[in-house]
């Protein structure tokens, strides 16, 4: 009985040893991109939430304390000192705080706007033009209260 002699190149398309590794490489790449996008968007939501809380607290500070009236500089310093590290102040980009109506008469509006600069880590590489939208690169919190 004669043994069949098979050439090694004929087995090339039939071998399965590396198939799992290739599938894993494709799937893990996709999962890492999705995870990076979720983390990046979560960071945006975090910055927007902290900016909103900072503007609320700054407006409350200016609205409640009436003797003597809190100035806009006091509100800006308070927000920058308390919320600066959470809003990226340690990275060199301090939050921009705009206060209008501070020190006014009772019953007038006090508006506090806190704007932060957001650097997109991963999504900006894959979504072209993402950094052109002001709302996505500068999340902001705005609060308006009546002075007491």
C-alpha atoms as a PDB file:
ATOM      1  CA  UNK A   1       0.000   0.000   0.000  1.00  0.00           C
ATOM      2  CA  UNK A   2       1.334   3.275  -0.987  1.00  0.00           C
ATOM      3  CA  UNK A   3       1.180   6.348   1.242  1.00  0.00           C
ATOM      4  CA  UNK A   4      -0.005   9.526  -0.312  1.00  0.00           C
ATOM      5  CA  UNK A   5       2.513  12.261  -0.199  1.00  0.00           C
ATOM      6  CA  UNK A   6       0.943  15.677   0.469  1.00  0.00           C
ATOM      7  CA  UNK A   7       2.730  18.856  -0.162  1.00  0.00           C
ATOM      8  CA  UNK A   8       2.824  21.322   2.763  1.00  0.00           C
ATOM      9  CA  UNK A   9       1.389  24.171   0.704  1.00  0.00           C
ATOM     10  CA  UNK A  10      -1.818  22.261   0.081  1.00  0.00           C
ATOM     11  CA  UNK A  11      -2.607  22.341   3.815  1.00  0.00           C
ATOM     12  CA  UNK A  12      -2.122  26.090   3.969  1.00  0.00           C
ATOM     13  CA  UNK A  13      -5.765  27.065   3.511  1.00  0.00           C
ATOM     14  CA  UNK A  14      -7.140  24.325   5.749  1.00  0.00           C
ATOM     15  CA  UNK A  15      -5.258  24.927   8.968  1.00  0.00           C
ATOM     16  CA  UNK A  16      -7.171  26.497  11.875  1.00  0.00           C
ATOM     17  CA  UNK A  17      -4.468  27.169  14.482  1.00  0.00           C
ATOM     18  CA  UNK A  18      -4.288  30.950  14.037  1.00  0.00           C
ATOM     19  CA  UNK A  19      -7.941  31.658  13.297  1.00  0.00           C
ATOM     20  CA  UNK A  20      -8.852  32.366  16.903  1.00  0.00           C
ATOM     21  CA  UNK A  21      -5.965  34.804  17.309  1.00  0.00           C
ATOM     22  CA  UNK A  22      -6.969  36.734  14.195  1.00  0.00           C
ATOM     23  CA  UNK A  23     -10.620  36.892  15.267  1.00  0.00           C
ATOM     24  CA  UNK A  24      -9.596  38.048  18.732  1.00  0.00           C
ATOM     25  CA  UNK A  25      -7.377  40.781  17.268  1.00  0.00           C
ATOM     26  CA  UNK A  26     -10.253  42.095  15.157  1.00  0.00           C
ATOM     27  CA  UNK A  27     -12.804  41.979  17.951  1.00  0.00           C
ATOM     28  CA  UNK A  28     -10.555  43.480  20.657  1.00  0.00           C
ATOM     29  CA  UNK A  29      -9.656  46.396  18.371  1.00  0.00           C
ATOM     30  CA  UNK A  30     -13.322  47.204  17.851  1.00  0.00           C
ATOM     31  CA  UNK A  31     -14.100  46.839  21.556  1.00  0.00           C
ATOM     32  CA  UNK A  32     -11.206  49.108  22.557  1.00  0.00           C
ATOM     33  CA  UNK A  33     -12.408  51.821  20.173  1.00  0.00           C
ATOM     34  CA  UNK A  34     -15.928  51.579  21.591  1.00  0.00           C
ATOM     35  CA  UNK A  35     -14.603  51.652  25.170  1.00  0.00           C
ATOM     36  CA  UNK A  36     -12.408  54.671  24.372  1.00  0.00           C
ATOM     37  CA  UNK A  37     -15.383  56.498  22.873  1.00  0.00           C
ATOM     38  CA  UNK A  38     -17.525  55.765  25.926  1.00  0.00           C
ATOM     39  CA  UNK A  39     -14.782  57.041  28.252  1.00  0.00           C
ATOM     40  CA  UNK A  40     -14.259  60.163  26.125  1.00  0.00           C
ATOM     41  CA  UNK A  41     -17.974  60.999  25.997  1.00  0.00           C
ATOM     42  CA  UNK A  42     -18.299  60.242  29.721  1.00  0.00           C
ATOM     43  CA  UNK A  43     -15.532  62.761  30.402  1.00  0.00           C
ATOM     44  CA  UNK A  44     -17.485  65.353  28.412  1.00  0.00           C
ATOM     45  CA  UNK A  45     -20.636  64.687  30.462  1.00  0.00           C
ATOM     46  CA  UNK A  46     -18.612  64.884  33.681  1.00  0.00           C
ATOM     47  CA  UNK A  47     -17.152  68.283  32.728  1.00  0.00           C
ATOM     48  CA  UNK A  48     -20.587  69.611  31.777  1.00  0.00           C
ATOM     49  CA  UNK A  49     -22.070  68.402  35.061  1.00  0.00           C
ATOM     50  CA  UNK A  50     -19.290  69.950  37.173  1.00  0.00           C
ATOM     51  CA  UNK A  51     -19.566  73.236  35.229  1.00  0.00           C
ATOM     52  CA  UNK A  52     -23.325  73.306  35.915  1.00  0.00           C
ATOM     53  CA  UNK A  53     -22.798  72.636  39.623  1.00  0.00           C
ATOM     54  CA  UNK A  54     -20.109  75.323  39.814  1.00  0.00           C
ATOM     55  CA  UNK A  55     -22.383  77.894  38.189  1.00  0.00           C
ATOM     56  CA  UNK A  56     -25.234  76.995  40.571  1.00  0.00           C
ATOM     57  CA  UNK A  57     -23.029  77.317  43.615  1.00  0.00           C
ATOM     58  CA  UNK A  58     -21.535  80.592  42.404  1.00  0.00           C
ATOM     59  CA  UNK A  59     -24.974  82.049  41.680  1.00  0.00           C
ATOM     60  CA  UNK A  60     -26.227  80.912  45.080  1.00  0.00           C
ATOM     61  CA  UNK A  61     -23.226  82.527  46.754  1.00  0.00           C
ATOM     62  CA  UNK A  62     -23.896  85.837  45.004  1.00  0.00           C
ATOM     63  CA  UNK A  63     -27.663  85.731  45.538  1.00  0.00           C
ATOM     64  CA  UNK A  64     -27.747  84.878  49.247  1.00  0.00           C
ATOM     65  CA  UNK A  65     -25.024  87.072  50.724  1.00  0.00           C
ATOM     66  CA  UNK A  66     -26.444  90.578  50.664  1.00  0.00           C
ATOM     67  CA  UNK A  67     -24.575  92.460  53.398  1.00  0.00           C
ATOM     68  CA  UNK A  68     -22.127  93.343  51.914  1.00  0.00           C
ATOM     69  CA  UNK A  69     -22.915  92.266  48.362  1.00  0.00           C
ATOM     70  CA  UNK A  70     -20.583  89.724  46.808  1.00  0.00           C
ATOM     71  CA  UNK A  71     -18.785  91.092  43.740  1.00  0.00           C
ATOM     72  CA  UNK A  72     -18.295  89.273  40.459  1.00  0.00           C
ATOM     73  CA  UNK A  73     -14.570  88.937  41.214  1.00  0.00           C
ATOM     74  CA  UNK A  74     -15.374  87.166  44.500  1.00  0.00           C
ATOM     75  CA  UNK A  75     -17.646  84.708  42.688  1.00  0.00           C
ATOM     76  CA  UNK A  76     -15.031  84.062  40.004  1.00  0.00           C
ATOM     77  CA  UNK A  77     -12.304  83.457  42.592  1.00  0.00           C
ATOM     78  CA  UNK A  78     -14.561  81.148  44.604  1.00  0.00           C
ATOM     79  CA  UNK A  79     -15.462  79.005  41.590  1.00  0.00           C
ATOM     80  CA  UNK A  80     -11.878  78.878  40.304  1.00  0.00           C
ATOM     81  CA  UNK A  81     -10.487  77.852  43.691  1.00  0.00           C
ATOM     82  CA  UNK A  82     -13.153  75.284  44.523  1.00  0.00           C
ATOM     83  CA  UNK A  83     -13.871  73.772  41.106  1.00  0.00           C
ATOM     84  CA  UNK A  84     -10.657  74.569  39.232  1.00  0.00           C
ATOM     85  CA  UNK A  85      -8.953  71.186  39.726  1.00  0.00           C
ATOM     86  CA  UNK A  86     -12.122  69.293  38.708  1.00  0.00           C
ATOM     87  CA  UNK A  87     -12.502  71.413  35.580  1.00  0.00           C
ATOM     88  CA  UNK A  88      -8.969  70.980  34.274  1.00  0.00           C
ATOM     89  CA  UNK A  89      -7.254  73.896  36.006  1.00  0.00           C
ATOM     90  CA  UNK A  90      -4.294  71.642  36.746  1.00  0.00           C
ATOM     91  CA  UNK A  91      -3.830  71.089  32.994  1.00  0.00           C
ATOM     92  CA  UNK A  92      -3.276  74.790  32.411  1.00  0.00           C
ATOM     93  CA  UNK A  93      -6.783  75.603  31.173  1.00  0.00           C
ATOM     94  CA  UNK A  94      -8.696  77.406  33.895  1.00  0.00           C
ATOM     95  CA  UNK A  95     -12.494  77.473  33.697  1.00  0.00           C
ATOM     96  CA  UNK A  96     -13.865  80.674  32.238  1.00  0.00           C
ATOM     97  CA  UNK A  97     -16.331  82.268  34.667  1.00  0.00           C
ATOM     98  CA  UNK A  98     -18.632  85.077  33.493  1.00  0.00           C
ATOM     99  CA  UNK A  99     -20.761  86.873  36.081  1.00  0.00           C
ATOM    100  CA  UNK A 100     -23.352  89.516  35.256  1.00  0.00           C
ATOM    101  CA  UNK A 101     -25.566  91.372  37.721  1.00  0.00           C
ATOM    102  CA  UNK A 102     -23.449  90.853  40.836  1.00  0.00           C
ATOM    103  CA  UNK A 103     -23.808  93.535  43.491  1.00  0.00           C
ATOM    104  CA  UNK A 104     -27.133  94.765  42.086  1.00  0.00           C
ATOM    105  CA  UNK A 105     -30.333  95.638  43.905  1.00  0.00           C
ATOM    106  CA  UNK A 106     -32.609  93.016  45.424  1.00  0.00           C
ATOM    107  CA  UNK A 107     -34.854  91.313  42.879  1.00  0.00           C
ATOM    108  CA  UNK A 108     -32.463  91.717  39.939  1.00  0.00           C
ATOM    109  CA  UNK A 109     -31.011  88.793  38.046  1.00  0.00           C
ATOM    110  CA  UNK A 110     -27.588  87.353  38.751  1.00  0.00           C
ATOM    111  CA  UNK A 111     -26.225  85.183  35.947  1.00  0.00           C
ATOM    112  CA  UNK A 112     -23.196  82.925  36.325  1.00  0.00           C
ATOM    113  CA  UNK A 113     -21.746  81.060  33.348  1.00  0.00           C
ATOM    114  CA  UNK A 114     -18.911  78.550  33.747  1.00  0.00           C
ATOM    115  CA  UNK A 115     -17.243  77.341  30.541  1.00  0.00           C
ATOM    116  CA  UNK A 116     -14.588  74.630  30.337  1.00  0.00           C
ATOM    117  CA  UNK A 117     -12.304  73.584  27.500  1.00  0.00           C
ATOM    118  CA  UNK A 118     -12.689  69.910  26.531  1.00  0.00           C
ATOM    119  CA  UNK A 119      -9.930  68.077  24.689  1.00  0.00           C
ATOM    120  CA  UNK A 120     -11.324  65.016  22.930  1.00  0.00           C
ATOM    121  CA  UNK A 121      -8.877  62.159  23.366  1.00  0.00           C
ATOM    122  CA  UNK A 122     -10.096  59.565  20.879  1.00  0.00           C
ATOM    123  CA  UNK A 123     -13.274  60.668  19.150  1.00  0.00           C
ATOM    124  CA  UNK A 124     -11.663  63.712  17.523  1.00  0.00           C
ATOM    125  CA  UNK A 125      -9.357  61.383  15.567  1.00  0.00           C
ATOM    126  CA  UNK A 126     -12.262  59.440  14.047  1.00  0.00           C
ATOM    127  CA  UNK A 127     -14.976  62.089  13.725  1.00  0.00           C
ATOM    128  CA  UNK A 128     -13.598  64.855  11.566  1.00  0.00           C
ATOM    129  CA  UNK A 129     -14.817  68.306  12.453  1.00  0.00           C
ATOM    130  CA  UNK A 130     -15.776  67.404  16.010  1.00  0.00           C
ATOM    131  CA  UNK A 131     -13.611  70.210  17.358  1.00  0.00           C
ATOM    132  CA  UNK A 132     -15.475  72.742  15.181  1.00  0.00           C
ATOM    133  CA  UNK A 133     -18.574  72.604  17.392  1.00  0.00           C
ATOM    134  CA  UNK A 134     -18.427  75.069  20.274  1.00  0.00           C
ATOM    135  CA  UNK A 135     -20.901  73.102  22.406  1.00  0.00           C
ATOM    136  CA  UNK A 136     -18.762  69.952  22.220  1.00  0.00           C
ATOM    137  CA  UNK A 137     -15.393  71.580  22.859  1.00  0.00           C
ATOM    138  CA  UNK A 138     -16.537  74.033  25.531  1.00  0.00           C
ATOM    139  CA  UNK A 139     -19.163  72.473  27.829  1.00  0.00           C
ATOM    140  CA  UNK A 140     -20.853  75.154  29.911  1.00  0.00           C
ATOM    141  CA  UNK A 141     -23.173  75.563  32.843  1.00  0.00           C
ATOM    142  CA  UNK A 142     -25.440  78.623  33.126  1.00  0.00           C
ATOM    143  CA  UNK A 143     -27.446  79.601  36.203  1.00  0.00           C
ATOM    144  CA  UNK A 144     -29.675  82.668  36.699  1.00  0.00           C
ATOM    145  CA  UNK A 145     -30.981  83.588  40.176  1.00  0.00           C
ATOM    146  CA  UNK A 146     -32.691  86.594  41.716  1.00  0.00           C
ATOM    147  CA  UNK A 147     -30.696  88.581  44.250  1.00  0.00           C
ATOM    148  CA  UNK A 148     -32.207  88.531  47.731  1.00  0.00           C
END
